Amino acid sequence: GVETYTEHFTPYAVCVDAASVPGIYQVNTGAQTVGPDTYYGPD
């Protein structure tokens, strides 16, 4: 924006007991490319 005053934002997390989801894990794709042109359009 171009406003002259301060804005705010708030982060959230959804949590559960670790013992109740013993198999939970995270995966990520590694670096993917955006721009200049892709199948989905420019940038």
PDB file of all heavy atoms in Angstrom:
ATOM      1  N   GLY A   1       0.796  -1.216   0.000  1.00  0.00           N
ATOM      2  CA  GLY A   1       0.000   0.000   0.000  1.00  0.00           C
ATOM      3  C   GLY A   1       0.832   1.271   0.000  1.00  0.00           C
ATOM      4  O   GLY A   1       2.069   1.247   0.055  1.00  0.00           O
ATOM      5  N   VAL A   2       0.122   2.403  -0.043  1.00  0.00           N
ATOM      6  CA  VAL A   2       0.775   3.714  -0.014  1.00  0.00           C
ATOM      7  C   VAL A   2       0.252   4.544   1.158  1.00  0.00           C
ATOM      8  O   VAL A   2       0.469   5.751   1.218  1.00  0.00           O
ATOM      9  CB  VAL A   2       0.535   4.483  -1.339  1.00  0.00           C
ATOM     10  CG1 VAL A   2       1.220   3.773  -2.488  1.00  0.00           C
ATOM     11  CG2 VAL A   2      -0.960   4.635  -1.624  1.00  0.00           C
ATOM     12  N   GLU A   3      -0.434   3.882   2.085  1.00  0.00           N
ATOM     13  CA  GLU A   3      -0.952   4.599   3.253  1.00  0.00           C
ATOM     14  C   GLU A   3       0.199   5.140   4.096  1.00  0.00           C
ATOM     15  O   GLU A   3       1.327   4.647   4.020  1.00  0.00           O
ATOM     16  CB  GLU A   3      -1.847   3.666   4.097  1.00  0.00           C
ATOM     17  CG  GLU A   3      -1.107   2.542   4.797  1.00  0.00           C
ATOM     18  CD  GLU A   3      -0.878   1.317   3.944  1.00  0.00           C
ATOM     19  OE1 GLU A   3      -1.176   1.351   2.752  1.00  0.00           O
ATOM     20  OE2 GLU A   3      -0.375   0.314   4.491  1.00  0.00           O
ATOM     21  N   THR A   4      -0.080   6.132   4.895  1.00  0.00           N
ATOM     22  CA  THR A   4       0.958   6.773   5.708  1.00  0.00           C
ATOM     23  C   THR A   4       0.926   6.300   7.160  1.00  0.00           C
ATOM     24  O   THR A   4       1.626   6.845   8.001  1.00  0.00           O
ATOM     25  CB  THR A   4       0.789   8.298   5.679  1.00  0.00           C
ATOM     26  OG1 THR A   4      -0.515   8.626   6.158  1.00  0.00           O
ATOM     27  CG2 THR A   4       0.965   8.836   4.268  1.00  0.00           C
ATOM     28  N   TYR A   5       0.132   5.297   7.442  1.00  0.00           N
ATOM     29  CA  TYR A   5       0.004   4.792   8.808  1.00  0.00           C
ATOM     30  C   TYR A   5       0.416   3.326   8.868  1.00  0.00           C
ATOM     31  O   TYR A   5       0.539   2.646   7.843  1.00  0.00           O
ATOM     32  CB  TYR A   5      -1.442   4.962   9.305  1.00  0.00           C
ATOM     33  CG  TYR A   5      -2.483   4.479   8.316  1.00  0.00           C
ATOM     34  CD1 TYR A   5      -2.872   3.143   8.261  1.00  0.00           C
ATOM     35  CD2 TYR A   5      -3.052   5.375   7.413  1.00  0.00           C
ATOM     36  CE1 TYR A   5      -3.799   2.715   7.342  1.00  0.00           C
ATOM     37  CE2 TYR A   5      -3.995   4.948   6.496  1.00  0.00           C
ATOM     38  CZ  TYR A   5      -4.368   3.611   6.460  1.00  0.00           C
ATOM     39  OH  TYR A   5      -5.292   3.186   5.541  1.00  0.00           O
ATOM     40  N   THR A   6       0.611   2.845  10.072  1.00  0.00           N
ATOM     41  CA  THR A   6       1.058   1.470  10.291  1.00  0.00           C
ATOM     42  C   THR A   6      -0.117   0.498  10.225  1.00  0.00           C
ATOM     43  O   THR A   6      -1.180   0.747  10.794  1.00  0.00           O
ATOM     44  CB  THR A   6       1.746   1.361  11.662  1.00  0.00           C
ATOM     45  OG1 THR A   6       2.876   2.231  11.671  1.00  0.00           O
ATOM     46  CG2 THR A   6       2.197  -0.065  11.939  1.00  0.00           C
ATOM     47  N   GLU A   7       0.076  -0.615   9.535  1.00  0.00           N
ATOM     48  CA  GLU A   7      -0.894  -1.710   9.510  1.00  0.00           C
ATOM     49  C   GLU A   7      -0.388  -2.834  10.413  1.00  0.00           C
ATOM     50  O   GLU A   7       0.716  -2.769  10.955  1.00  0.00           O
ATOM     51  CB  GLU A   7      -1.097  -2.211   8.087  1.00  0.00           C
ATOM     52  CG  GLU A   7      -1.765  -1.218   7.155  1.00  0.00           C
ATOM     53  CD  GLU A   7      -3.239  -1.026   7.460  1.00  0.00           C
ATOM     54  OE1 GLU A   7      -3.757  -1.680   8.392  1.00  0.00           O
ATOM     55  OE2 GLU A   7      -3.872  -0.196   6.774  1.00  0.00           O
ATOM     56  N   HIS A   8      -1.186  -3.892  10.561  1.00  0.00           N
ATOM     57  CA  HIS A   8      -0.813  -5.018  11.417  1.00  0.00           C
ATOM     58  C   HIS A   8      -1.272  -6.337  10.806  1.00  0.00           C
ATOM     59  O   HIS A   8      -2.223  -6.368  10.023  1.00  0.00           O
ATOM     60  CB  HIS A   8      -1.441  -4.871  12.815  1.00  0.00           C
ATOM     61  CG  HIS A   8      -0.954  -3.671  13.564  1.00  0.00           C
ATOM     62  ND1 HIS A   8      -1.479  -2.402  13.374  1.00  0.00           N
ATOM     63  CD2 HIS A   8       0.045  -3.536  14.493  1.00  0.00           C
ATOM     64  CE1 HIS A   8      -0.849  -1.542  14.148  1.00  0.00           C
ATOM     65  NE2 HIS A   8       0.077  -2.198  14.830  1.00  0.00           N
ATOM     66  N   PHE A   9      -0.566  -7.397  11.179  1.00  0.00           N
ATOM     67  CA  PHE A   9      -0.984  -8.745  10.794  1.00  0.00           C
ATOM     68  C   PHE A   9      -0.717  -9.694  11.962  1.00  0.00           C
ATOM     69  O   PHE A   9       0.086  -9.398  12.853  1.00  0.00           O
ATOM     70  CB  PHE A   9      -0.261  -9.217   9.527  1.00  0.00           C
ATOM     71  CG  PHE A   9       1.217  -9.461   9.702  1.00  0.00           C
ATOM     72  CD1 PHE A   9       1.711 -10.737   9.955  1.00  0.00           C
ATOM     73  CD2 PHE A   9       2.128  -8.408   9.612  1.00  0.00           C
ATOM     74  CE1 PHE A   9       3.068 -10.958  10.113  1.00  0.00           C
ATOM     75  CE2 PHE A   9       3.491  -8.621   9.766  1.00  0.00           C
ATOM     76  CZ  PHE A   9       3.961  -9.896  10.018  1.00  0.00           C
ATOM     77  N   THR A  10      -1.398 -10.836  11.945  1.00  0.00           N
ATOM     78  CA  THR A  10      -1.295 -11.798  13.039  1.00  0.00           C
ATOM     79  C   THR A  10      -1.128 -13.211  12.483  1.00  0.00           C
ATOM     80  O   THR A  10      -1.959 -13.658  11.686  1.00  0.00           O
ATOM     81  CB  THR A  10      -2.554 -11.754  13.921  1.00  0.00           C
ATOM     82  OG1 THR A  10      -2.766 -10.410  14.368  1.00  0.00           O
ATOM     83  CG2 THR A  10      -2.414 -12.676  15.123  1.00  0.00           C
ATOM     84  N   PRO A  11      -0.069 -13.932  12.888  1.00  0.00           N
ATOM     85  CA  PRO A  11       0.101 -15.318  12.447  1.00  0.00           C
ATOM     86  C   PRO A  11      -0.664 -16.296  13.343  1.00  0.00           C
ATOM     87  O   PRO A  11      -0.929 -15.998  14.512  1.00  0.00           O
ATOM     88  CB  PRO A  11       1.611 -15.543  12.596  1.00  0.00           C
ATOM     89  CG  PRO A  11       1.981 -14.684  13.770  1.00  0.00           C
ATOM     90  CD  PRO A  11       1.072 -13.474  13.703  1.00  0.00           C
ATOM     91  N   TYR A  12      -1.007 -17.451  12.796  1.00  0.00           N
ATOM     92  CA  TYR A  12      -1.709 -18.499  13.531  1.00  0.00           C
ATOM     93  C   TYR A  12      -1.061 -19.853  13.274  1.00  0.00           C
ATOM     94  O   TYR A  12      -0.473 -20.079  12.210  1.00  0.00           O
ATOM     95  CB  TYR A  12      -3.172 -18.589  13.092  1.00  0.00           C
ATOM     96  CG  TYR A  12      -4.009 -17.391  13.473  1.00  0.00           C
ATOM     97  CD1 TYR A  12      -4.013 -16.244  12.698  1.00  0.00           C
ATOM     98  CD2 TYR A  12      -4.811 -17.412  14.615  1.00  0.00           C
ATOM     99  CE1 TYR A  12      -4.773 -15.141  13.041  1.00  0.00           C
ATOM    100  CE2 TYR A  12      -5.583 -16.321  14.968  1.00  0.00           C
ATOM    101  CZ  TYR A  12      -5.558 -15.182  14.175  1.00  0.00           C
ATOM    102  OH  TYR A  12      -6.325 -14.092  14.515  1.00  0.00           O
ATOM    103  N   ALA A  13      -1.199 -20.747  14.240  1.00  0.00           N
ATOM    104  CA  ALA A  13      -0.780 -22.137  14.076  1.00  0.00           C
ATOM    105  C   ALA A  13      -1.866 -23.044  14.649  1.00  0.00           C
ATOM    106  O   ALA A  13      -2.456 -22.743  15.686  1.00  0.00           O
ATOM    107  CB  ALA A  13       0.547 -22.403  14.779  1.00  0.00           C
ATOM    108  N   VAL A  14      -2.120 -24.140  13.965  1.00  0.00           N
ATOM    109  CA  VAL A  14      -3.058 -25.152  14.442  1.00  0.00           C
ATOM    110  C   VAL A  14      -2.236 -26.319  14.989  1.00  0.00           C
ATOM    111  O   VAL A  14      -1.420 -26.897  14.270  1.00  0.00           O
ATOM    112  CB  VAL A  14      -3.980 -25.637  13.307  1.00  0.00           C
ATOM    113  CG1 VAL A  14      -4.937 -26.706  13.819  1.00  0.00           C
ATOM    114  CG2 VAL A  14      -4.754 -24.461  12.734  1.00  0.00           C
ATOM    115  N   CYS A  15      -2.439 -26.633  16.255  1.00  0.00           N
ATOM    116  CA  CYS A  15      -1.571 -27.577  16.961  1.00  0.00           C
ATOM    117  C   CYS A  15      -2.377 -28.733  17.554  1.00  0.00           C
ATOM    118  O   CYS A  15      -3.549 -28.571  17.907  1.00  0.00           O
ATOM    119  CB  CYS A  15      -0.837 -26.867  18.099  1.00  0.00           C
ATOM    120  SG  CYS A  15      -0.036 -25.315  17.611  1.00  0.00           S
ATOM    121  N   VAL A  16      -1.728 -29.888  17.685  1.00  0.00           N
ATOM    122  CA  VAL A  16      -2.297 -31.038  18.391  1.00  0.00           C
ATOM    123  C   VAL A  16      -1.183 -31.707  19.191  1.00  0.00           C
ATOM    124  O   VAL A  16       0.007 -31.436  18.971  1.00  0.00           O
ATOM    125  CB  VAL A  16      -2.934 -32.061  17.420  1.00  0.00           C
ATOM    126  CG1 VAL A  16      -4.128 -31.456  16.686  1.00  0.00           C
ATOM    127  CG2 VAL A  16      -1.911 -32.605  16.430  1.00  0.00           C
ATOM    128  N   ASP A  17      -1.567 -32.592  20.093  1.00  0.00           N
ATOM    129  CA  ASP A  17      -0.571 -33.324  20.873  1.00  0.00           C
ATOM    130  C   ASP A  17       0.258 -34.223  19.965  1.00  0.00           C
ATOM    131  O   ASP A  17      -0.290 -35.010  19.171  1.00  0.00           O
ATOM    132  CB  ASP A  17      -1.262 -34.177  21.943  1.00  0.00           C
ATOM    133  CG  ASP A  17      -1.914 -33.327  23.017  1.00  0.00           C
ATOM    134  OD1 ASP A  17      -1.518 -32.161  23.192  1.00  0.00           O
ATOM    135  OD2 ASP A  17      -2.834 -33.847  23.698  1.00  0.00           O
ATOM    136  N   ALA A  18       1.576 -34.132  20.098  1.00  0.00           N
ATOM    137  CA  ALA A  18       2.468 -34.932  19.256  1.00  0.00           C
ATOM    138  C   ALA A  18       2.230 -36.421  19.442  1.00  0.00           C
ATOM    139  O   ALA A  18       2.298 -37.199  18.484  1.00  0.00           O
ATOM    140  CB  ALA A  18       3.915 -34.579  19.571  1.00  0.00           C
ATOM    141  N   ALA A  19       1.926 -36.830  20.665  1.00  0.00           N
ATOM    142  CA  ALA A  19       1.740 -38.257  20.942  1.00  0.00           C
ATOM    143  C   ALA A  19       0.527 -38.834  20.232  1.00  0.00           C
ATOM    144  O   ALA A  19       0.443 -40.060  20.028  1.00  0.00           O
ATOM    145  CB  ALA A  19       1.611 -38.486  22.447  1.00  0.00           C
ATOM    146  N   SER A  20      -0.420 -37.968  19.849  1.00  0.00           N
ATOM    147  CA  SER A  20      -1.634 -38.465  19.199  1.00  0.00           C
ATOM    148  C   SER A  20      -1.494 -38.581  17.679  1.00  0.00           C
ATOM    149  O   SER A  20      -2.383 -39.101  17.009  1.00  0.00           O
ATOM    150  CB  SER A  20      -2.827 -37.562  19.542  1.00  0.00           C
ATOM    151  OG  SER A  20      -2.691 -36.289  18.944  1.00  0.00           O
ATOM    152  N   VAL A  21      -0.371 -38.090  17.136  1.00  0.00           N
ATOM    153  CA  VAL A  21      -0.108 -38.211  15.694  1.00  0.00           C
ATOM    154  C   VAL A  21       1.340 -38.672  15.502  1.00  0.00           C
ATOM    155  O   VAL A  21       2.193 -37.949  14.983  1.00  0.00           O
ATOM    156  CB  VAL A  21      -0.364 -36.879  14.951  1.00  0.00           C
ATOM    157  CG1 VAL A  21      -1.839 -36.640  14.745  1.00  0.00           C
ATOM    158  CG2 VAL A  21       0.260 -35.691  15.690  1.00  0.00           C
ATOM    159  N   PRO A  22       1.652 -39.906  15.927  1.00  0.00           N
ATOM    160  CA  PRO A  22       3.049 -40.353  15.934  1.00  0.00           C
ATOM    161  C   PRO A  22       3.694 -40.403  14.560  1.00  0.00           C
ATOM    162  O   PRO A  22       4.917 -40.348  14.442  1.00  0.00           O
ATOM    163  CB  PRO A  22       2.955 -41.746  16.561  1.00  0.00           C
ATOM    164  CG  PRO A  22       1.538 -42.181  16.331  1.00  0.00           C
ATOM    165  CD  PRO A  22       0.721 -40.931  16.428  1.00  0.00           C
ATOM    166  N   GLY A  23       2.896 -40.503  13.511  1.00  0.00           N
ATOM    167  CA  GLY A  23       3.476 -40.608  12.177  1.00  0.00           C
ATOM    168  C   GLY A  23       3.532 -39.310  11.407  1.00  0.00           C
ATOM    169  O   GLY A  23       3.840 -39.309  10.209  1.00  0.00           O
ATOM    170  N   ILE A  24       3.287 -38.182  12.057  1.00  0.00           N
ATOM    171  CA  ILE A  24       3.256 -36.908  11.338  1.00  0.00           C
ATOM    172  C   ILE A  24       4.641 -36.544  10.804  1.00  0.00           C
ATOM    173  O   ILE A  24       5.663 -36.804  11.450  1.00  0.00           O
ATOM    174  CB  ILE A  24       2.714 -35.793  12.258  1.00  0.00           C
ATOM    175  CG1 ILE A  24       2.395 -34.527  11.445  1.00  0.00           C
ATOM    176  CG2 ILE A  24       3.678 -35.491  13.395  1.00  0.00           C
ATOM    177  CD1 ILE A  24       1.639 -33.475  12.223  1.00  0.00           C
ATOM    178  N   TYR A  25       4.680 -35.956   9.613  1.00  0.00           N
ATOM    179  CA  TYR A  25       5.949 -35.523   9.039  1.00  0.00           C
ATOM    180  C   TYR A  25       5.689 -34.402   8.031  1.00  0.00           C
ATOM    181  O   TYR A  25       4.539 -34.133   7.656  1.00  0.00           O
ATOM    182  CB  TYR A  25       6.689 -36.681   8.365  1.00  0.00           C
ATOM    183  CG  TYR A  25       5.941 -37.325   7.208  1.00  0.00           C
ATOM    184  CD1 TYR A  25       6.188 -36.938   5.890  1.00  0.00           C
ATOM    185  CD2 TYR A  25       4.990 -38.312   7.432  1.00  0.00           C
ATOM    186  CE1 TYR A  25       5.514 -37.520   4.833  1.00  0.00           C
ATOM    187  CE2 TYR A  25       4.301 -38.907   6.390  1.00  0.00           C
ATOM    188  CZ  TYR A  25       4.561 -38.510   5.084  1.00  0.00           C
ATOM    189  OH  TYR A  25       3.881 -39.084   4.038  1.00  0.00           O
ATOM    190  N   GLN A  26       6.755 -33.747   7.603  1.00  0.00           N
ATOM    191  CA  GLN A  26       6.669 -32.655   6.640  1.00  0.00           C
ATOM    192  C   GLN A  26       7.497 -32.986   5.408  1.00  0.00           C
ATOM    193  O   GLN A  26       8.540 -33.633   5.503  1.00  0.00           O
ATOM    194  CB  GLN A  26       7.177 -31.351   7.262  1.00  0.00           C
ATOM    195  CG  GLN A  26       6.390 -30.897   8.484  1.00  0.00           C
ATOM    196  CD  GLN A  26       7.043 -29.724   9.191  1.00  0.00           C
ATOM    197  OE1 GLN A  26       8.066 -29.197   8.740  1.00  0.00           O
ATOM    198  NE2 GLN A  26       6.478 -29.315  10.319  1.00  0.00           N
ATOM    199  N   VAL A  27       7.019 -32.539   4.260  1.00  0.00           N
ATOM    200  CA  VAL A  27       7.776 -32.694   3.014  1.00  0.00           C
ATOM    201  C   VAL A  27       7.796 -31.345   2.299  1.00  0.00           C
ATOM    202  O   VAL A  27       6.923 -30.503   2.511  1.00  0.00           O
ATOM    203  CB  VAL A  27       7.172 -33.759   2.083  1.00  0.00           C
ATOM    204  CG1 VAL A  27       7.219 -35.133   2.738  1.00  0.00           C
ATOM    205  CG2 VAL A  27       5.735 -33.413   1.707  1.00  0.00           C
ATOM    206  N   ASN A  28       8.806 -31.120   1.472  1.00  0.00           N
ATOM    207  CA  ASN A  28       8.815 -29.937   0.619  1.00  0.00           C
ATOM    208  C   ASN A  28       9.411 -30.271  -0.734  1.00  0.00           C
ATOM    209  O   ASN A  28      10.147 -31.252  -0.886  1.00  0.00           O
ATOM    210  CB  ASN A  28       9.537 -28.769   1.288  1.00  0.00           C
ATOM    211  CG  ASN A  28      11.031 -28.926   1.307  1.00  0.00           C
ATOM    212  OD1 ASN A  28      11.699 -28.691   0.303  1.00  0.00           O
ATOM    213  ND2 ASN A  28      11.578 -29.320   2.452  1.00  0.00           N
ATOM    214  N   THR A  29       9.067 -29.468  -1.708  1.00  0.00           N
ATOM    215  CA  THR A  29       9.448 -29.756  -3.088  1.00  0.00           C
ATOM    216  C   THR A  29      10.887 -29.381  -3.407  1.00  0.00           C
ATOM    217  O   THR A  29      11.408 -29.781  -4.451  1.00  0.00           O
ATOM    218  CB  THR A  29       8.552 -28.964  -4.051  1.00  0.00           C
ATOM    219  OG1 THR A  29       8.690 -27.561  -3.770  1.00  0.00           O
ATOM    220  CG2 THR A  29       7.093 -29.375  -3.899  1.00  0.00           C
ATOM    221  N   GLY A  30      11.523 -28.589  -2.538  1.00  0.00           N
ATOM    222  CA  GLY A  30      12.763 -27.967  -2.943  1.00  0.00           C
ATOM    223  C   GLY A  30      12.459 -26.801  -3.866  1.00  0.00           C
ATOM    224  O   GLY A  30      11.293 -26.467  -4.129  1.00  0.00           O
ATOM    225  N   ALA A  31      13.466 -26.146  -4.384  1.00  0.00           N
ATOM    226  CA  ALA A  31      13.289 -24.919  -5.157  1.00  0.00           C
ATOM    227  C   ALA A  31      12.562 -25.165  -6.477  1.00  0.00           C
ATOM    228  O   ALA A  31      12.961 -26.017  -7.272  1.00  0.00           O
ATOM    229  CB  ALA A  31      14.647 -24.275  -5.415  1.00  0.00           C
ATOM    230  N   GLN A  32      11.478 -24.411  -6.675  1.00  0.00           N
ATOM    231  CA  GLN A  32      10.732 -24.392  -7.927  1.00  0.00           C
ATOM    232  C   GLN A  32      10.894 -23.002  -8.558  1.00  0.00           C
ATOM    233  O   GLN A  32      11.121 -22.012  -7.868  1.00  0.00           O
ATOM    234  CB  GLN A  32       9.251 -24.667  -7.672  1.00  0.00           C
ATOM    235  CG  GLN A  32       8.973 -25.953  -6.917  1.00  0.00           C
ATOM    236  CD  GLN A  32       9.335 -27.176  -7.719  1.00  0.00           C
ATOM    237  OE1 GLN A  32       8.865 -27.371  -8.841  1.00  0.00           O
ATOM    238  NE2 GLN A  32      10.198 -28.024  -7.150  1.00  0.00           N
ATOM    239  N   THR A  33      10.741 -22.916  -9.865  1.00  0.00           N
ATOM    240  CA  THR A  33      10.988 -21.662 -10.578  1.00  0.00           C
ATOM    241  C   THR A  33       9.689 -20.945 -10.914  1.00  0.00           C
ATOM    242  O   THR A  33       8.718 -21.561 -11.358  1.00  0.00           O
ATOM    243  CB  THR A  33      11.775 -21.920 -11.871  1.00  0.00           C
ATOM    244  OG1 THR A  33      13.023 -22.534 -11.539  1.00  0.00           O
ATOM    245  CG2 THR A  33      12.035 -20.619 -12.617  1.00  0.00           C
ATOM    246  N   VAL A  34       9.675 -19.624 -10.691  1.00  0.00           N
ATOM    247  CA  VAL A  34       8.583 -18.772 -11.158  1.00  0.00           C
ATOM    248  C   VAL A  34       9.181 -17.641 -11.985  1.00  0.00           C
ATOM    249  O   VAL A  34      10.140 -17.000 -11.579  1.00  0.00           O
ATOM    250  CB  VAL A  34       7.738 -18.214  -9.994  1.00  0.00           C
ATOM    251  CG1 VAL A  34       8.586 -17.482  -8.974  1.00  0.00           C
ATOM    252  CG2 VAL A  34       6.607 -17.331 -10.518  1.00  0.00           C
ATOM    253  N   GLY A  35       8.617 -17.407 -13.173  1.00  0.00           N
ATOM    254  CA  GLY A  35       9.078 -16.376 -14.081  1.00  0.00           C
ATOM    255  C   GLY A  35      10.251 -16.844 -14.946  1.00  0.00           C
ATOM    256  O   GLY A  35      10.982 -17.745 -14.566  1.00  0.00           O
ATOM    257  N   PRO A  36      10.401 -16.246 -16.142  1.00  0.00           N
ATOM    258  CA  PRO A  36       9.483 -15.233 -16.658  1.00  0.00           C
ATOM    259  C   PRO A  36       8.188 -15.806 -17.229  1.00  0.00           C
ATOM    260  O   PRO A  36       7.125 -15.225 -17.072  1.00  0.00           O
ATOM    261  CB  PRO A  36      10.300 -14.534 -17.740  1.00  0.00           C
ATOM    262  CG  PRO A  36      11.251 -15.593 -18.210  1.00  0.00           C
ATOM    263  CD  PRO A  36      11.582 -16.405 -16.997  1.00  0.00           C
ATOM    264  N   ASP A  37       8.244 -16.934 -17.923  1.00  0.00           N
ATOM    265  CA  ASP A  37       7.037 -17.540 -18.505  1.00  0.00           C
ATOM    266  C   ASP A  37       6.971 -19.007 -18.131  1.00  0.00           C
ATOM    267  O   ASP A  37       7.982 -19.718 -18.144  1.00  0.00           O
ATOM    268  CB  ASP A  37       7.038 -17.415 -20.033  1.00  0.00           C
ATOM    269  CG  ASP A  37       6.931 -15.987 -20.496  1.00  0.00           C
ATOM    270  OD1 ASP A  37       6.074 -15.266 -19.966  1.00  0.00           O
ATOM    271  OD2 ASP A  37       7.705 -15.596 -21.391  1.00  0.00           O
ATOM    272  N   THR A  38       5.770 -19.457 -17.782  1.00  0.00           N
ATOM    273  CA  THR A  38       5.552 -20.865 -17.486  1.00  0.00           C
ATOM    274  C   THR A  38       4.276 -21.320 -18.185  1.00  0.00           C
ATOM    275  O   THR A  38       3.588 -20.532 -18.839  1.00  0.00           O
ATOM    276  CB  THR A  38       5.398 -21.117 -15.972  1.00  0.00           C
ATOM    277  OG1 THR A  38       4.123 -20.603 -15.543  1.00  0.00           O
ATOM    278  CG2 THR A  38       6.499 -20.447 -15.175  1.00  0.00           C
ATOM    279  N   TYR A  39       3.951 -22.564 -18.005  1.00  0.00           N
ATOM    280  CA  TYR A  39       2.711 -23.129 -18.544  1.00  0.00           C
ATOM    281  C   TYR A  39       1.495 -22.343 -18.068  1.00  0.00           C
ATOM    282  O   TYR A  39       0.490 -22.234 -18.781  1.00  0.00           O
ATOM    283  CB  TYR A  39       2.604 -24.591 -18.102  1.00  0.00           C
ATOM    284  CG  TYR A  39       1.278 -25.236 -18.360  1.00  0.00           C
ATOM    285  CD1 TYR A  39       0.973 -25.771 -19.617  1.00  0.00           C
ATOM    286  CD2 TYR A  39       0.316 -25.329 -17.352  1.00  0.00           C
ATOM    287  CE1 TYR A  39      -0.256 -26.372 -19.848  1.00  0.00           C
ATOM    288  CE2 TYR A  39      -0.906 -25.926 -17.581  1.00  0.00           C
ATOM    289  CZ  TYR A  39      -1.187 -26.447 -18.826  1.00  0.00           C
ATOM    290  OH  TYR A  39      -2.402 -27.038 -19.060  1.00  0.00           O
ATOM    291  N   TYR A  40       1.563 -21.767 -16.861  1.00  0.00           N
ATOM    292  CA  TYR A  40       0.420 -21.083 -16.262  1.00  0.00           C
ATOM    293  C   TYR A  40       0.304 -19.621 -16.679  1.00  0.00           C
ATOM    294  O   TYR A  40      -0.715 -18.984 -16.417  1.00  0.00           O
ATOM    295  CB  TYR A  40       0.507 -21.173 -14.736  1.00  0.00           C
ATOM    296  CG  TYR A  40       0.497 -22.596 -14.258  1.00  0.00           C
ATOM    297  CD1 TYR A  40       1.692 -23.272 -14.006  1.00  0.00           C
ATOM    298  CD2 TYR A  40      -0.698 -23.288 -14.076  1.00  0.00           C
ATOM    299  CE1 TYR A  40       1.693 -24.596 -13.593  1.00  0.00           C
ATOM    300  CE2 TYR A  40      -0.704 -24.613 -13.667  1.00  0.00           C
ATOM    301  CZ  TYR A  40       0.495 -25.260 -13.426  1.00  0.00           C
ATOM    302  OH  TYR A  40       0.492 -26.569 -13.022  1.00  0.00           O
ATOM    303  N   GLY A  41       1.317 -19.075 -17.315  1.00  0.00           N
ATOM    304  CA  GLY A  41       1.263 -17.692 -17.764  1.00  0.00           C
ATOM    305  C   GLY A  41       2.507 -16.929 -17.365  1.00  0.00           C
ATOM    306  O   GLY A  41       3.390 -17.453 -16.657  1.00  0.00           O
ATOM    307  N   PRO A  42       2.619 -15.670 -17.783  1.00  0.00           N
ATOM    308  CA  PRO A  42       3.798 -14.849 -17.449  1.00  0.00           C
ATOM    309  C   PRO A  42       3.937 -14.647 -15.944  1.00  0.00           C
ATOM    310  O   PRO A  42       3.006 -14.169 -15.290  1.00  0.00           O
ATOM    311  CB  PRO A  42       3.517 -13.525 -18.169  1.00  0.00           C
ATOM    312  CG  PRO A  42       2.530 -13.867 -19.247  1.00  0.00           C
ATOM    313  CD  PRO A  42       1.699 -14.965 -18.690  1.00  0.00           C
ATOM    314  N   ASP A  43       5.074 -15.041 -15.414  1.00  0.00           N
ATOM    315  CA  ASP A  43       5.420 -14.824 -14.004  1.00  0.00           C
ATOM    316  C   ASP A  43       4.428 -15.458 -13.036  1.00  0.00           C
ATOM    317  O   ASP A  43       4.235 -14.996 -11.909  1.00  0.00           O
ATOM    318  CB  ASP A  43       5.568 -13.324 -13.717  1.00  0.00           C
ATOM    319  CG  ASP A  43       6.661 -12.695 -14.555  1.00  0.00           C
ATOM    320  OD1 ASP A  43       7.757 -13.291 -14.634  1.00  0.00           O
ATOM    321  OD2 ASP A  43       6.429 -11.627 -15.147  1.00  0.00           O
TER     322      ASP A  43
END
